[in-house]
């Protein structure tokens, strides 16, 4: 231990300054590298949490899609489609077909409303302040 202190004391004062400056520069560079690594770590942690949220959403979507697939391939879905969309009937069912009564007149389509009168802003204010004359 004594020999190291003696060697340090034997170094000229200008050399000590140079060594001290070199040590400070190395420490500054190490701190900058540490700062960059911490910044990268924070960004990666944020990305990880965003990805975990997205994975959870995708898993929920997967479960919903699997449930819809299970229903779509079931007998109940086929029965619903056949009866409601394709108008099919089962054996023993009696289809009802509605026909118009003989001599009945069809209901005329409703007439379009009469076009409303477009008023200018001046006319609107006149009616508002003075009423209809």
N, C-alpha and C. Protein backbone atom coordinates (compact mmCIF):
# COMPACT_ATOMS: atom_id res chain seq x y z
N UNK A 1 0.81 -1.17 0.00
CA UNK A 1 0.00 0.00 0.00
C UNK A 1 0.86 1.26 0.00
N UNK A 2 1.92 1.19 0.74
CA UNK A 2 2.83 2.33 0.84
C UNK A 2 3.48 2.61 -0.50
N UNK A 3 3.74 1.61 -1.23
CA UNK A 3 4.44 1.82 -2.50
C UNK A 3 3.54 2.55 -3.50
N UNK A 4 2.23 2.31 -3.46
CA UNK A 4 1.32 2.99 -4.38
C UNK A 4 1.27 4.47 -4.04
N UNK A 5 1.17 4.79 -2.73
CA UNK A 5 1.15 6.20 -2.32
C UNK A 5 2.46 6.89 -2.67
N UNK A 6 3.56 6.18 -2.51
CA UNK A 6 4.86 6.76 -2.86
C UNK A 6 4.94 7.02 -4.36
N UNK A 7 4.40 6.08 -5.14
CA UNK A 7 4.43 6.27 -6.60
C UNK A 7 3.55 7.46 -7.00
N UNK A 8 2.39 7.61 -6.34
CA UNK A 8 1.51 8.73 -6.66
C UNK A 8 2.19 10.04 -6.27
N UNK A 9 2.86 10.08 -5.14
CA UNK A 9 3.56 11.30 -4.70
C UNK A 9 4.74 11.61 -5.59
N UNK A 10 5.33 10.60 -6.18
CA UNK A 10 6.49 10.83 -7.03
C UNK A 10 6.09 11.35 -8.41
N UNK A 11 4.79 11.25 -8.76
CA UNK A 11 4.33 11.75 -10.06
C UNK A 11 4.32 13.27 -9.99
N UNK A 12 4.75 13.87 -11.06
CA UNK A 12 4.81 15.31 -11.16
C UNK A 12 3.40 15.89 -11.10
N UNK A 13 3.20 17.11 -10.60
CA UNK A 13 1.86 17.69 -10.42
C UNK A 13 1.13 17.86 -11.74
N UNK A 14 1.83 18.13 -12.85
CA UNK A 14 1.19 18.26 -14.15
C UNK A 14 0.66 16.91 -14.60
N UNK A 15 1.42 15.85 -14.36
CA UNK A 15 0.96 14.51 -14.70
C UNK A 15 -0.27 14.13 -13.87
N UNK A 16 -0.31 14.56 -12.63
CA UNK A 16 -1.47 14.27 -11.78
C UNK A 16 -2.74 14.91 -12.36
N UNK A 17 -2.60 16.13 -12.83
CA UNK A 17 -3.74 16.81 -13.44
C UNK A 17 -4.23 16.06 -14.68
N UNK A 18 -3.31 15.62 -15.49
CA UNK A 18 -3.67 14.90 -16.70
C UNK A 18 -4.40 13.60 -16.34
N UNK A 19 -3.88 12.89 -15.35
CA UNK A 19 -4.52 11.65 -14.92
C UNK A 19 -5.90 11.95 -14.35
N UNK A 20 -6.01 13.01 -13.54
CA UNK A 20 -7.29 13.39 -12.96
C UNK A 20 -8.30 13.76 -14.05
N UNK A 21 -7.88 14.50 -15.04
CA UNK A 21 -8.77 14.87 -16.15
C UNK A 21 -9.20 13.62 -16.92
N UNK A 22 -8.26 12.70 -17.15
CA UNK A 22 -8.60 11.47 -17.86
C UNK A 22 -9.62 10.65 -17.06
N UNK A 23 -9.45 10.58 -15.75
CA UNK A 23 -10.39 9.84 -14.90
C UNK A 23 -11.76 10.51 -14.95
N UNK A 24 -11.80 11.84 -14.88
CA UNK A 24 -13.08 12.57 -14.94
C UNK A 24 -13.76 12.34 -16.29
N UNK A 25 -13.00 12.39 -17.38
CA UNK A 25 -13.57 12.16 -18.71
C UNK A 25 -14.14 10.74 -18.80
N UNK A 26 -13.42 9.78 -18.28
CA UNK A 26 -13.90 8.39 -18.30
C UNK A 26 -15.18 8.27 -17.47
N UNK A 27 -15.22 8.91 -16.30
CA UNK A 27 -16.43 8.87 -15.48
C UNK A 27 -17.62 9.54 -16.19
N UNK A 28 -17.38 10.66 -16.86
CA UNK A 28 -18.45 11.34 -17.60
C UNK A 28 -18.97 10.44 -18.71
N UNK A 29 -18.07 9.79 -19.43
CA UNK A 29 -18.48 8.88 -20.50
C UNK A 29 -19.28 7.70 -19.94
N UNK A 30 -18.86 7.17 -18.80
CA UNK A 30 -19.59 6.08 -18.17
C UNK A 30 -20.99 6.54 -17.74
N UNK A 31 -21.10 7.75 -17.20
CA UNK A 31 -22.40 8.27 -16.79
C UNK A 31 -23.31 8.49 -17.99
N UNK A 32 -22.75 8.97 -19.10
CA UNK A 32 -23.55 9.16 -20.32
C UNK A 32 -24.05 7.81 -20.83
N UNK A 33 -23.20 6.81 -20.81
CA UNK A 33 -23.61 5.48 -21.25
C UNK A 33 -24.69 4.92 -20.32
N UNK A 34 -24.53 5.15 -19.02
CA UNK A 34 -25.54 4.70 -18.06
C UNK A 34 -26.87 5.39 -18.31
N UNK A 35 -26.82 6.70 -18.59
CA UNK A 35 -28.04 7.45 -18.88
C UNK A 35 -28.72 6.90 -20.14
N UNK A 36 -27.95 6.62 -21.18
CA UNK A 36 -28.53 6.05 -22.41
C UNK A 36 -29.16 4.70 -22.15
N UNK A 37 -28.51 3.90 -21.35
CA UNK A 37 -29.06 2.57 -21.04
C UNK A 37 -30.36 2.70 -20.23
N UNK A 38 -30.40 3.64 -19.31
CA UNK A 38 -31.62 3.85 -18.52
C UNK A 38 -32.77 4.34 -19.41
N UNK A 39 -32.48 5.23 -20.34
CA UNK A 39 -33.49 5.72 -21.27
C UNK A 39 -34.03 4.58 -22.12
N UNK A 40 -33.12 3.76 -22.63
CA UNK A 40 -33.54 2.61 -23.43
C UNK A 40 -34.39 1.65 -22.60
N UNK A 41 -34.02 1.44 -21.34
CA UNK A 41 -34.77 0.54 -20.49
C UNK A 41 -36.18 1.07 -20.25
N UNK A 42 -36.32 2.37 -20.02
CA UNK A 42 -37.65 2.95 -19.81
C UNK A 42 -38.51 2.81 -21.06
N UNK A 43 -37.94 3.07 -22.24
CA UNK A 43 -38.69 2.91 -23.49
C UNK A 43 -39.12 1.47 -23.69
N UNK A 44 -38.21 0.54 -23.40
CA UNK A 44 -38.55 -0.87 -23.57
C UNK A 44 -39.63 -1.31 -22.58
N UNK A 45 -39.59 -0.77 -21.35
CA UNK A 45 -40.64 -1.09 -20.38
C UNK A 45 -42.00 -0.56 -20.84
N UNK A 46 -42.02 0.65 -21.41
CA UNK A 46 -43.27 1.20 -21.93
C UNK A 46 -43.79 0.35 -23.09
N UNK A 47 -42.89 -0.05 -23.98
CA UNK A 47 -43.29 -0.90 -25.10
C UNK A 47 -43.81 -2.24 -24.60
N UNK A 48 -43.17 -2.78 -23.57
CA UNK A 48 -43.60 -4.06 -23.02
C UNK A 48 -45.01 -3.96 -22.46
N UNK A 49 -45.29 -2.89 -21.71
CA UNK A 49 -46.64 -2.75 -21.14
C UNK A 49 -47.68 -2.54 -22.23
N UNK A 50 -47.33 -1.79 -23.28
CA UNK A 50 -48.26 -1.61 -24.40
C UNK A 50 -48.53 -2.93 -25.10
N UNK A 51 -47.47 -3.72 -25.28
CA UNK A 51 -47.64 -5.02 -25.94
C UNK A 51 -48.43 -5.99 -25.07
N UNK A 52 -48.24 -5.94 -23.77
CA UNK A 52 -49.02 -6.80 -22.88
C UNK A 52 -50.50 -6.45 -22.95
N UNK A 53 -50.80 -5.15 -23.02
CA UNK A 53 -52.20 -4.72 -23.17
C UNK A 53 -52.77 -5.22 -24.48
N UNK A 54 -51.99 -5.08 -25.55
CA UNK A 54 -52.46 -5.53 -26.87
C UNK A 54 -52.66 -7.04 -26.89
N UNK A 55 -51.77 -7.78 -26.25
CA UNK A 55 -51.91 -9.24 -26.20
C UNK A 55 -53.18 -9.62 -25.46
N UNK A 56 -53.48 -8.92 -24.35
CA UNK A 56 -54.70 -9.20 -23.60
C UNK A 56 -55.93 -8.92 -24.46
N UNK A 57 -55.91 -7.82 -25.21
CA UNK A 57 -57.03 -7.51 -26.10
C UNK A 57 -57.18 -8.57 -27.18
N UNK A 58 -56.06 -9.00 -27.74
CA UNK A 58 -56.12 -10.01 -28.79
C UNK A 58 -56.61 -11.35 -28.25
N UNK A 59 -56.25 -11.67 -27.02
CA UNK A 59 -56.75 -12.91 -26.42
C UNK A 59 -58.26 -12.84 -26.21
N UNK A 60 -58.76 -11.68 -25.79
CA UNK A 60 -60.20 -11.51 -25.64
C UNK A 60 -60.90 -11.63 -26.99
N UNK A 61 -60.31 -11.04 -28.02
CA UNK A 61 -60.88 -11.14 -29.36
C UNK A 61 -60.88 -12.58 -29.82
N UNK A 62 -59.81 -13.31 -29.53
CA UNK A 62 -59.72 -14.72 -29.92
C UNK A 62 -60.82 -15.53 -29.26
N UNK A 63 -61.05 -15.26 -27.97
CA UNK A 63 -62.09 -15.99 -27.25
C UNK A 63 -63.46 -15.69 -27.86
N UNK A 64 -63.71 -14.42 -28.20
CA UNK A 64 -64.98 -14.05 -28.80
C UNK A 64 -65.15 -14.70 -30.17
N UNK A 65 -64.09 -14.69 -30.97
CA UNK A 65 -64.18 -15.31 -32.29
C UNK A 65 -64.39 -16.81 -32.17
N UNK A 66 -63.71 -17.46 -31.24
CA UNK A 66 -63.91 -18.90 -31.05
C UNK A 66 -65.34 -19.19 -30.62
N UNK A 67 -65.92 -18.33 -29.78
CA UNK A 67 -67.32 -18.53 -29.36
C UNK A 67 -68.26 -18.37 -30.55
N UNK A 68 -67.99 -17.37 -31.39
CA UNK A 68 -68.83 -17.19 -32.57
C UNK A 68 -68.69 -18.34 -33.54
N UNK A 69 -67.48 -18.88 -33.68
CA UNK A 69 -67.27 -20.04 -34.56
C UNK A 69 -68.01 -21.25 -34.01
N UNK A 70 -67.93 -21.44 -32.69
CA UNK A 70 -68.63 -22.57 -32.07
C UNK A 70 -70.13 -22.45 -32.29
N UNK A 71 -70.68 -21.23 -32.16
CA UNK A 71 -72.11 -21.05 -32.39
C UNK A 71 -72.45 -21.25 -33.87
N UNK A 72 -71.61 -20.72 -34.75
CA UNK A 72 -71.89 -20.80 -36.18
C UNK A 72 -71.88 -22.24 -36.67
N UNK A 73 -71.12 -23.10 -36.05
CA UNK A 73 -71.06 -24.50 -36.47
C UNK A 73 -72.05 -25.38 -35.71
N UNK A 74 -72.87 -24.77 -34.86
CA UNK A 74 -73.81 -25.56 -34.05
C UNK A 74 -75.12 -25.78 -34.82
N UNK A 75 -75.91 -26.72 -34.31
CA UNK A 75 -77.22 -27.02 -34.90
C UNK A 75 -78.17 -25.84 -34.72
N UNK A 76 -78.06 -25.14 -33.60
CA UNK A 76 -78.96 -24.01 -33.34
C UNK A 76 -78.77 -22.91 -34.39
N UNK A 77 -77.52 -22.63 -34.77
CA UNK A 77 -77.26 -21.61 -35.77
C UNK A 77 -77.81 -22.05 -37.12
N UNK A 78 -77.63 -23.33 -37.45
CA UNK A 78 -78.15 -23.84 -38.71
C UNK A 78 -79.67 -23.75 -38.74
N UNK A 79 -80.29 -24.10 -37.63
CA UNK A 79 -81.76 -24.04 -37.54
C UNK A 79 -82.23 -22.59 -37.70
N UNK A 80 -81.55 -21.66 -37.02
CA UNK A 80 -81.92 -20.25 -37.12
C UNK A 80 -81.78 -19.75 -38.55
N UNK A 81 -80.67 -20.09 -39.19
CA UNK A 81 -80.46 -19.66 -40.58
C UNK A 81 -81.53 -20.25 -41.49
N UNK A 82 -81.82 -21.54 -41.35
CA UNK A 82 -82.77 -22.20 -42.24
C UNK A 82 -84.16 -21.60 -42.10
N UNK A 83 -84.58 -21.30 -40.88
CA UNK A 83 -85.94 -20.80 -40.68
C UNK A 83 -86.07 -19.32 -40.99
N UNK A 84 -85.11 -18.53 -40.58
CA UNK A 84 -85.26 -17.08 -40.72
C UNK A 84 -84.75 -16.55 -42.05
N UNK A 85 -83.60 -17.00 -42.47
CA UNK A 85 -83.01 -16.43 -43.69
C UNK A 85 -83.45 -17.17 -44.95
N UNK A 86 -83.44 -18.47 -44.91
CA UNK A 86 -83.73 -19.24 -46.12
C UNK A 86 -85.19 -19.67 -46.20
N UNK A 87 -85.97 -19.40 -45.17
CA UNK A 87 -87.40 -19.69 -45.13
C UNK A 87 -87.71 -21.17 -45.35
N UNK A 88 -86.92 -22.04 -44.77
CA UNK A 88 -87.16 -23.47 -44.86
C UNK A 88 -88.05 -23.91 -43.71
N UNK A 89 -88.70 -25.06 -43.87
CA UNK A 89 -89.56 -25.57 -42.82
C UNK A 89 -89.16 -27.00 -42.49
N UNK A 90 -89.52 -27.44 -41.29
CA UNK A 90 -89.29 -28.82 -40.87
C UNK A 90 -90.47 -29.69 -41.29
N UNK A 91 -90.25 -30.99 -41.21
CA UNK A 91 -91.35 -31.90 -41.48
C UNK A 91 -92.41 -31.69 -40.41
N UNK A 92 -93.68 -31.63 -40.82
CA UNK A 92 -94.76 -31.44 -39.88
C UNK A 92 -95.12 -29.98 -39.68
N UNK A 93 -94.30 -29.04 -40.17
CA UNK A 93 -94.63 -27.62 -40.08
C UNK A 93 -95.60 -27.27 -41.20
N UNK A 94 -96.45 -26.31 -40.95
CA UNK A 94 -97.38 -25.84 -41.97
C UNK A 94 -96.98 -24.41 -42.33
N UNK A 95 -96.54 -24.23 -43.57
CA UNK A 95 -96.13 -22.88 -43.96
C UNK A 95 -97.35 -21.98 -44.14
N UNK A 96 -97.20 -20.77 -43.79
CA UNK A 96 -98.27 -19.79 -43.97
C UNK A 96 -97.79 -18.77 -44.99
N UNK A 97 -98.55 -18.66 -46.05
CA UNK A 97 -98.21 -17.71 -47.10
C UNK A 97 -99.33 -16.69 -47.13
N UNK A 98 -99.02 -15.46 -46.90
CA UNK A 98 -100.03 -14.40 -46.88
C UNK A 98 -100.25 -13.91 -48.31
N UNK A 99 -101.51 -13.95 -48.75
CA UNK A 99 -101.89 -13.46 -50.06
C UNK A 99 -102.80 -12.27 -49.88
N UNK A 100 -102.76 -11.33 -50.80
CA UNK A 100 -103.67 -10.19 -50.68
C UNK A 100 -105.11 -10.64 -50.92
N UNK A 101 -106.04 -10.02 -50.24
CA UNK A 101 -107.45 -10.37 -50.40
C UNK A 101 -107.91 -9.98 -51.79
N UNK A 102 -108.88 -10.73 -52.30
CA UNK A 102 -109.39 -10.43 -53.63
C UNK A 102 -110.14 -9.11 -53.60
N UNK A 103 -109.87 -8.31 -54.59
CA UNK A 103 -110.54 -7.03 -54.70
C UNK A 103 -109.99 -5.97 -53.77
N UNK A 104 -108.99 -6.26 -53.03
CA UNK A 104 -108.41 -5.27 -52.12
C UNK A 104 -107.54 -4.32 -52.91
N UNK A 105 -107.63 -3.08 -52.57
CA UNK A 105 -106.79 -2.09 -53.25
C UNK A 105 -105.51 -1.92 -52.45
N UNK A 106 -104.42 -1.88 -53.15
CA UNK A 106 -103.16 -1.70 -52.42
C UNK A 106 -103.09 -0.31 -51.80
N UNK A 107 -102.40 -0.22 -50.71
CA UNK A 107 -102.22 1.05 -50.02
C UNK A 107 -101.27 1.91 -50.84
N UNK A 108 -101.70 3.12 -51.19
CA UNK A 108 -100.82 3.97 -51.99
C UNK A 108 -99.62 4.42 -51.15
N UNK A 109 -98.51 4.62 -51.80
CA UNK A 109 -97.35 5.12 -51.05
C UNK A 109 -97.62 6.52 -50.54
N UNK A 110 -97.04 6.89 -49.43
CA UNK A 110 -97.29 8.23 -48.89
C UNK A 110 -96.73 9.30 -49.82
N UNK A 111 -97.46 10.40 -49.91
CA UNK A 111 -97.04 11.51 -50.75
C UNK A 111 -95.90 12.26 -50.06
N UNK A 112 -95.00 12.76 -50.86
CA UNK A 112 -93.91 13.53 -50.24
C UNK A 112 -94.46 14.81 -49.62
N UNK A 113 -93.80 15.23 -48.56
CA UNK A 113 -94.21 16.45 -47.89
C UNK A 113 -94.04 17.64 -48.82
N UNK A 114 -94.84 18.65 -48.59
CA UNK A 114 -94.71 19.86 -49.40
C UNK A 114 -93.41 20.55 -49.01
N UNK A 115 -92.74 21.09 -49.98
CA UNK A 115 -91.46 21.73 -49.65
C UNK A 115 -91.69 22.94 -48.75
N UNK A 116 -90.83 23.07 -47.78
CA UNK A 116 -90.96 24.19 -46.85
C UNK A 116 -90.35 25.43 -47.47
N UNK A 117 -90.92 26.54 -47.08
CA UNK A 117 -90.44 27.81 -47.60
C UNK A 117 -89.12 28.14 -46.91
N UNK A 118 -88.12 28.47 -47.71
CA UNK A 118 -86.81 28.83 -47.17
C UNK A 118 -86.81 30.32 -46.89
N UNK A 119 -86.53 30.68 -45.66
CA UNK A 119 -86.54 32.08 -45.25
C UNK A 119 -85.12 32.57 -45.08
N UNK A 120 -84.94 33.85 -45.41
CA UNK A 120 -83.63 34.45 -45.19
C UNK A 120 -83.52 34.83 -43.71
N UNK A 121 -82.34 35.16 -43.30
CA UNK A 121 -82.12 35.54 -41.90
C UNK A 121 -82.94 36.78 -41.54
N UNK A 122 -83.06 37.73 -42.47
CA UNK A 122 -83.83 38.94 -42.22
C UNK A 122 -85.30 38.59 -42.00
N UNK A 123 -85.86 37.68 -42.81
CA UNK A 123 -87.25 37.28 -42.66
C UNK A 123 -87.47 36.54 -41.34
N UNK A 124 -86.50 35.73 -40.94
CA UNK A 124 -86.61 35.01 -39.67
C UNK A 124 -86.67 36.00 -38.51
N UNK A 125 -85.80 37.01 -38.53
CA UNK A 125 -85.79 38.01 -37.45
C UNK A 125 -87.08 38.83 -37.46
N UNK A 126 -87.58 39.16 -38.65
CA UNK A 126 -88.83 39.92 -38.72
C UNK A 126 -89.98 39.11 -38.10
N UNK A 127 -90.05 37.83 -38.43
CA UNK A 127 -91.12 37.00 -37.86
C UNK A 127 -90.94 36.84 -36.35
N UNK A 128 -89.70 36.76 -35.92
CA UNK A 128 -89.43 36.60 -34.50
C UNK A 128 -89.82 37.84 -33.71
N UNK A 129 -89.47 39.02 -34.23
CA UNK A 129 -89.71 40.25 -33.51
C UNK A 129 -91.14 40.78 -33.67
N UNK A 130 -91.69 40.70 -34.87
CA UNK A 130 -92.98 41.34 -35.15
C UNK A 130 -94.11 40.32 -35.33
N UNK A 131 -93.80 39.05 -35.39
CA UNK A 131 -94.82 38.03 -35.57
C UNK A 131 -95.27 37.95 -37.02
N UNK A 132 -96.22 37.07 -37.29
CA UNK A 132 -96.75 36.92 -38.65
C UNK A 132 -97.81 38.00 -38.88
N UNK A 133 -97.75 38.68 -40.01
CA UNK A 133 -98.74 39.72 -40.33
C UNK A 133 -99.58 39.28 -41.47
